[in-house]
Amino acid sequence: MKLHLILPKAFKFVTFVFFTFMTLVYFGVLLILPLDILFQIARILHAIGLPTVLATGLGIGAVGYLGYAVAQRPALYELILDIGKELVSFGHRQIERFNVLTEQPASGAG
């Protein structure tokens, strides 16, 4: 295989890995954020002097209320999901741009 075919494929792979990583980080943060909020609320309530079980129960209630508040604002919910969808589609478009380089022969390369 010639170098003019290997380089675009290598950069296409690097671009694919980059956008896959960024998408996983974005949606991973959305999944871990409520758990972190729960942990921090339970920790604060436990530091005040509440028992751990009661502090965790109140933390679950607070995170549930926060989720309910976000669900009541459909524009916010749709915006968060649309950003993730646009990240995926942008990455796909950038990866597709490499197909032109792998299909056409390089001019003057030998």
N, C-alpha and C. Protein backbone atom coordinates (compact mmCIF):
# COMPACT_ATOMS: atom_id res chain seq x y z
N MET A 1 0.84 -1.17 0.00
CA MET A 1 0.00 0.00 0.00
C MET A 1 0.89 1.24 0.00
N LYS A 2 0.51 2.24 -0.73
CA LYS A 2 1.34 3.43 -0.85
C LYS A 2 1.04 4.41 0.28
N LEU A 3 1.98 5.30 0.48
CA LEU A 3 1.89 6.26 1.57
C LEU A 3 0.69 7.20 1.40
N HIS A 4 0.34 7.55 0.16
CA HIS A 4 -0.78 8.46 -0.05
C HIS A 4 -2.11 7.82 0.29
N LEU A 5 -2.16 6.50 0.46
CA LEU A 5 -3.38 5.83 0.92
C LEU A 5 -3.34 5.57 2.43
N ILE A 6 -2.14 5.37 2.96
CA ILE A 6 -2.01 5.05 4.38
C ILE A 6 -2.26 6.28 5.25
N LEU A 7 -1.72 7.44 4.86
CA LEU A 7 -1.87 8.63 5.68
C LEU A 7 -3.32 9.06 5.88
N PRO A 8 -4.13 9.16 4.82
CA PRO A 8 -5.53 9.53 5.08
C PRO A 8 -6.28 8.52 5.95
N LYS A 9 -5.97 7.24 5.77
CA LYS A 9 -6.64 6.24 6.60
C LYS A 9 -6.21 6.34 8.06
N ALA A 10 -4.94 6.64 8.28
CA ALA A 10 -4.46 6.79 9.66
C ALA A 10 -5.10 8.01 10.32
N PHE A 11 -5.15 9.13 9.59
CA PHE A 11 -5.78 10.32 10.16
C PHE A 11 -7.29 10.14 10.32
N LYS A 12 -7.90 9.38 9.43
CA LYS A 12 -9.33 9.07 9.57
C LYS A 12 -9.56 8.28 10.85
N PHE A 13 -8.69 7.33 11.14
CA PHE A 13 -8.83 6.54 12.36
C PHE A 13 -8.63 7.41 13.60
N VAL A 14 -7.63 8.29 13.56
CA VAL A 14 -7.39 9.18 14.70
C VAL A 14 -8.59 10.09 14.92
N THR A 15 -9.17 10.61 13.84
CA THR A 15 -10.35 11.45 13.95
C THR A 15 -11.53 10.67 14.52
N PHE A 16 -11.71 9.44 14.07
CA PHE A 16 -12.78 8.59 14.58
C PHE A 16 -12.61 8.35 16.08
N VAL A 17 -11.40 8.05 16.51
CA VAL A 17 -11.14 7.80 17.93
C VAL A 17 -11.39 9.07 18.74
N PHE A 18 -10.96 10.21 18.22
CA PHE A 18 -11.15 11.47 18.93
C PHE A 18 -12.62 11.78 19.14
N PHE A 19 -13.42 11.71 18.07
CA PHE A 19 -14.83 12.04 18.21
C PHE A 19 -15.59 10.99 19.00
N THR A 20 -15.19 9.75 18.93
CA THR A 20 -15.81 8.72 19.76
C THR A 20 -15.53 9.00 21.23
N PHE A 21 -14.30 9.35 21.55
CA PHE A 21 -13.93 9.67 22.92
C PHE A 21 -14.71 10.87 23.42
N MET A 22 -14.81 11.92 22.61
CA MET A 22 -15.52 13.13 23.05
C MET A 22 -17.01 12.85 23.27
N THR A 23 -17.60 12.02 22.42
CA THR A 23 -19.01 11.67 22.60
C THR A 23 -19.21 10.86 23.87
N LEU A 24 -18.32 9.92 24.12
CA LEU A 24 -18.43 9.12 25.34
C LEU A 24 -18.23 9.98 26.58
N VAL A 25 -17.33 10.93 26.52
CA VAL A 25 -17.13 11.83 27.66
C VAL A 25 -18.37 12.67 27.89
N TYR A 26 -18.97 13.20 26.83
CA TYR A 26 -20.17 14.05 26.98
C TYR A 26 -21.31 13.28 27.63
N PHE A 27 -21.64 12.11 27.08
CA PHE A 27 -22.75 11.36 27.64
C PHE A 27 -22.38 10.73 28.98
N GLY A 28 -21.11 10.43 29.20
CA GLY A 28 -20.67 9.91 30.49
C GLY A 28 -20.84 10.94 31.60
N VAL A 29 -20.53 12.19 31.29
CA VAL A 29 -20.72 13.26 32.28
C VAL A 29 -22.21 13.40 32.61
N LEU A 30 -23.05 13.28 31.61
CA LEU A 30 -24.49 13.38 31.86
C LEU A 30 -24.98 12.24 32.76
N LEU A 31 -24.35 11.08 32.68
CA LEU A 31 -24.74 9.96 33.53
C LEU A 31 -24.15 10.07 34.94
N ILE A 32 -22.93 10.56 35.06
CA ILE A 32 -22.25 10.59 36.35
C ILE A 32 -22.62 11.83 37.17
N LEU A 33 -23.07 12.88 36.52
CA LEU A 33 -23.40 14.11 37.23
C LEU A 33 -24.43 13.92 38.34
N PRO A 34 -25.55 13.22 38.11
CA PRO A 34 -26.49 13.01 39.22
C PRO A 34 -25.89 12.20 40.37
N LEU A 35 -25.02 11.24 40.06
CA LEU A 35 -24.38 10.47 41.13
C LEU A 35 -23.45 11.35 41.95
N ASP A 36 -22.76 12.26 41.31
CA ASP A 36 -21.88 13.16 42.04
C ASP A 36 -22.68 14.11 42.91
N ILE A 37 -23.79 14.61 42.39
CA ILE A 37 -24.65 15.50 43.18
C ILE A 37 -25.17 14.76 44.41
N LEU A 38 -25.59 13.51 44.21
CA LEU A 38 -26.06 12.69 45.33
C LEU A 38 -24.96 12.51 46.37
N PHE A 39 -23.77 12.20 45.93
CA PHE A 39 -22.66 11.99 46.85
C PHE A 39 -22.35 13.26 47.63
N GLN A 40 -22.32 14.40 46.95
CA GLN A 40 -21.97 15.65 47.63
C GLN A 40 -23.05 16.07 48.62
N ILE A 41 -24.32 15.90 48.26
CA ILE A 41 -25.41 16.25 49.18
C ILE A 41 -25.38 15.34 50.40
N ALA A 42 -25.20 14.05 50.19
CA ALA A 42 -25.14 13.11 51.31
C ALA A 42 -23.94 13.43 52.21
N ARG A 43 -22.84 13.81 51.61
CA ARG A 43 -21.65 14.14 52.38
C ARG A 43 -21.86 15.39 53.22
N ILE A 44 -22.50 16.41 52.64
CA ILE A 44 -22.78 17.64 53.38
C ILE A 44 -23.74 17.36 54.54
N LEU A 45 -24.80 16.60 54.27
CA LEU A 45 -25.77 16.30 55.32
C LEU A 45 -25.16 15.42 56.41
N HIS A 46 -24.27 14.53 56.03
CA HIS A 46 -23.58 13.70 57.02
C HIS A 46 -22.63 14.56 57.86
N ALA A 47 -22.00 15.56 57.25
CA ALA A 47 -21.11 16.44 57.99
C ALA A 47 -21.88 17.31 58.98
N ILE A 48 -23.12 17.62 58.66
CA ILE A 48 -23.96 18.41 59.57
C ILE A 48 -24.29 17.59 60.83
N GLY A 49 -24.36 16.28 60.66
CA GLY A 49 -24.64 15.44 61.82
C GLY A 49 -25.74 14.43 61.61
N LEU A 50 -26.31 14.38 60.41
CA LEU A 50 -27.35 13.38 60.14
C LEU A 50 -26.72 12.01 59.94
N PRO A 51 -27.44 10.96 60.31
CA PRO A 51 -26.91 9.63 60.02
C PRO A 51 -26.76 9.41 58.51
N THR A 52 -25.86 8.52 58.14
CA THR A 52 -25.54 8.30 56.73
C THR A 52 -26.76 7.83 55.93
N VAL A 53 -27.56 6.95 56.51
CA VAL A 53 -28.73 6.44 55.80
C VAL A 53 -29.74 7.55 55.55
N LEU A 54 -29.97 8.38 56.55
CA LEU A 54 -30.91 9.49 56.39
C LEU A 54 -30.36 10.53 55.40
N ALA A 55 -29.06 10.80 55.48
CA ALA A 55 -28.45 11.76 54.56
C ALA A 55 -28.53 11.26 53.12
N THR A 56 -28.32 9.96 52.92
CA THR A 56 -28.42 9.39 51.58
C THR A 56 -29.85 9.43 51.06
N GLY A 57 -30.80 9.14 51.93
CA GLY A 57 -32.22 9.22 51.53
C GLY A 57 -32.62 10.62 51.12
N LEU A 58 -32.18 11.62 51.90
CA LEU A 58 -32.47 13.00 51.54
C LEU A 58 -31.75 13.40 50.25
N GLY A 59 -30.54 12.88 50.06
CA GLY A 59 -29.81 13.16 48.82
C GLY A 59 -30.52 12.58 47.60
N ILE A 60 -31.06 11.36 47.75
CA ILE A 60 -31.81 10.75 46.64
C ILE A 60 -33.04 11.58 46.32
N GLY A 61 -33.70 12.07 47.36
CA GLY A 61 -34.86 12.94 47.14
C GLY A 61 -34.48 14.23 46.43
N ALA A 62 -33.34 14.81 46.81
CA ALA A 62 -32.89 16.06 46.18
C ALA A 62 -32.53 15.83 44.72
N VAL A 63 -31.86 14.73 44.42
CA VAL A 63 -31.50 14.42 43.03
C VAL A 63 -32.76 14.11 42.22
N GLY A 64 -33.71 13.44 42.84
CA GLY A 64 -35.00 13.18 42.15
C GLY A 64 -35.72 14.46 41.83
N TYR A 65 -35.73 15.42 42.77
CA TYR A 65 -36.36 16.70 42.52
C TYR A 65 -35.63 17.47 41.42
N LEU A 66 -34.31 17.39 41.43
CA LEU A 66 -33.54 18.05 40.38
C LEU A 66 -33.85 17.45 39.00
N GLY A 67 -33.95 16.13 38.94
CA GLY A 67 -34.35 15.49 37.69
C GLY A 67 -35.74 15.88 37.26
N TYR A 68 -36.65 16.01 38.21
CA TYR A 68 -38.01 16.44 37.91
C TYR A 68 -38.02 17.87 37.39
N ALA A 69 -37.19 18.74 37.98
CA ALA A 69 -37.12 20.13 37.55
C ALA A 69 -36.57 20.23 36.13
N VAL A 70 -35.59 19.40 35.80
CA VAL A 70 -35.06 19.40 34.43
C VAL A 70 -36.10 18.85 33.46
N ALA A 71 -36.85 17.83 33.88
CA ALA A 71 -37.87 17.24 33.00
C ALA A 71 -39.01 18.21 32.75
N GLN A 72 -39.25 19.14 33.64
CA GLN A 72 -40.30 20.13 33.46
C GLN A 72 -39.92 21.23 32.47
N ARG A 73 -38.65 21.29 32.13
CA ARG A 73 -38.17 22.27 31.15
C ARG A 73 -37.75 21.53 29.89
N PRO A 74 -38.70 21.25 28.99
CA PRO A 74 -38.36 20.46 27.81
C PRO A 74 -37.32 21.14 26.90
N ALA A 75 -37.26 22.45 26.91
CA ALA A 75 -36.28 23.13 26.06
C ALA A 75 -34.86 22.82 26.55
N LEU A 76 -34.67 22.78 27.85
CA LEU A 76 -33.36 22.46 28.41
C LEU A 76 -32.99 21.01 28.12
N TYR A 77 -33.94 20.12 28.31
CA TYR A 77 -33.71 18.70 28.07
C TYR A 77 -33.36 18.45 26.60
N GLU A 78 -34.12 19.07 25.69
CA GLU A 78 -33.87 18.90 24.26
C GLU A 78 -32.53 19.52 23.86
N LEU A 79 -32.17 20.63 24.47
CA LEU A 79 -30.89 21.28 24.16
C LEU A 79 -29.73 20.37 24.54
N ILE A 80 -29.80 19.76 25.71
CA ILE A 80 -28.72 18.88 26.15
C ILE A 80 -28.57 17.69 25.21
N LEU A 81 -29.69 17.09 24.82
CA LEU A 81 -29.62 15.95 23.90
C LEU A 81 -29.21 16.37 22.49
N ASP A 82 -29.67 17.55 22.05
CA ASP A 82 -29.30 18.01 20.71
C ASP A 82 -27.81 18.30 20.60
N ILE A 83 -27.21 18.78 21.66
CA ILE A 83 -25.76 19.02 21.63
C ILE A 83 -25.03 17.70 21.42
N GLY A 84 -25.46 16.65 22.10
CA GLY A 84 -24.85 15.33 21.91
C GLY A 84 -25.07 14.79 20.51
N LYS A 85 -26.28 14.97 19.98
CA LYS A 85 -26.56 14.51 18.62
C LYS A 85 -25.73 15.27 17.59
N GLU A 86 -25.59 16.57 17.79
CA GLU A 86 -24.78 17.37 16.88
C GLU A 86 -23.31 16.99 16.96
N LEU A 87 -22.85 16.63 18.14
CA LEU A 87 -21.47 16.17 18.28
C LEU A 87 -21.25 14.89 17.48
N VAL A 88 -22.21 13.98 17.54
CA VAL A 88 -22.10 12.74 16.78
C VAL A 88 -22.16 13.01 15.28
N SER A 89 -23.10 13.84 14.84
CA SER A 89 -23.22 14.10 13.39
C SER A 89 -22.02 14.90 12.88
N PHE A 90 -21.49 15.82 13.68
CA PHE A 90 -20.30 16.57 13.26
C PHE A 90 -19.11 15.63 13.09
N GLY A 91 -18.93 14.72 14.04
CA GLY A 91 -17.85 13.75 13.93
C GLY A 91 -18.00 12.87 12.71
N HIS A 92 -19.23 12.46 12.41
CA HIS A 92 -19.48 11.63 11.23
C HIS A 92 -19.15 12.38 9.95
N ARG A 93 -19.53 13.66 9.89
CA ARG A 93 -19.22 14.46 8.69
C ARG A 93 -17.71 14.63 8.52
N GLN A 94 -16.99 14.81 9.61
CA GLN A 94 -15.54 14.99 9.49
C GLN A 94 -14.87 13.70 9.06
N ILE A 95 -15.36 12.57 9.51
CA ILE A 95 -14.79 11.28 9.09
C ILE A 95 -15.10 11.03 7.62
N GLU A 96 -16.28 11.41 7.16
CA GLU A 96 -16.64 11.22 5.75
C GLU A 96 -15.78 12.07 4.82
N ARG A 97 -15.24 13.16 5.31
CA ARG A 97 -14.39 14.01 4.47
C ARG A 97 -13.12 13.29 4.05
N PHE A 98 -12.69 12.30 4.81
CA PHE A 98 -11.48 11.55 4.47
C PHE A 98 -11.72 10.58 3.32
N ASN A 99 -12.98 10.22 3.04
CA ASN A 99 -13.27 9.27 1.96
C ASN A 99 -12.82 9.79 0.60
N VAL A 100 -12.89 11.09 0.40
CA VAL A 100 -12.47 11.69 -0.87
C VAL A 100 -10.97 11.44 -1.08
N LEU A 101 -10.20 11.53 -0.03
CA LEU A 101 -8.75 11.34 -0.16
C LEU A 101 -8.37 9.90 -0.41
N THR A 102 -9.13 8.96 0.09
CA THR A 102 -8.80 7.56 -0.11
C THR A 102 -9.31 7.02 -1.44
N GLU A 103 -10.30 7.68 -2.03
CA GLU A 103 -10.86 7.20 -3.30
C GLU A 103 -10.09 7.73 -4.51
N GLN A 104 -9.58 8.95 -4.44
CA GLN A 104 -8.90 9.52 -5.60
C GLN A 104 -7.40 9.26 -5.52
N PRO A 105 -6.78 9.00 -6.62
CA PRO A 105 -5.32 8.79 -6.59
C PRO A 105 -4.61 10.12 -6.35
N ALA A 106 -3.51 10.08 -5.63
CA ALA A 106 -2.76 11.29 -5.33
C ALA A 106 -2.01 11.74 -6.58
N SER A 107 -2.03 13.04 -6.81
CA SER A 107 -1.36 13.55 -8.00
C SER A 107 0.11 13.84 -7.67
N GLY A 108 0.99 13.26 -8.45
CA GLY A 108 2.41 13.50 -8.31
C GLY A 108 3.07 12.69 -7.21
N ALA A 109 2.33 11.81 -6.56
CA ALA A 109 2.94 10.99 -5.48
C ALA A 109 3.43 9.70 -6.10
N GLY A 110 4.51 9.22 -5.64
CA GLY A 110 5.06 8.02 -6.25
C GLY A 110 5.61 7.09 -5.31
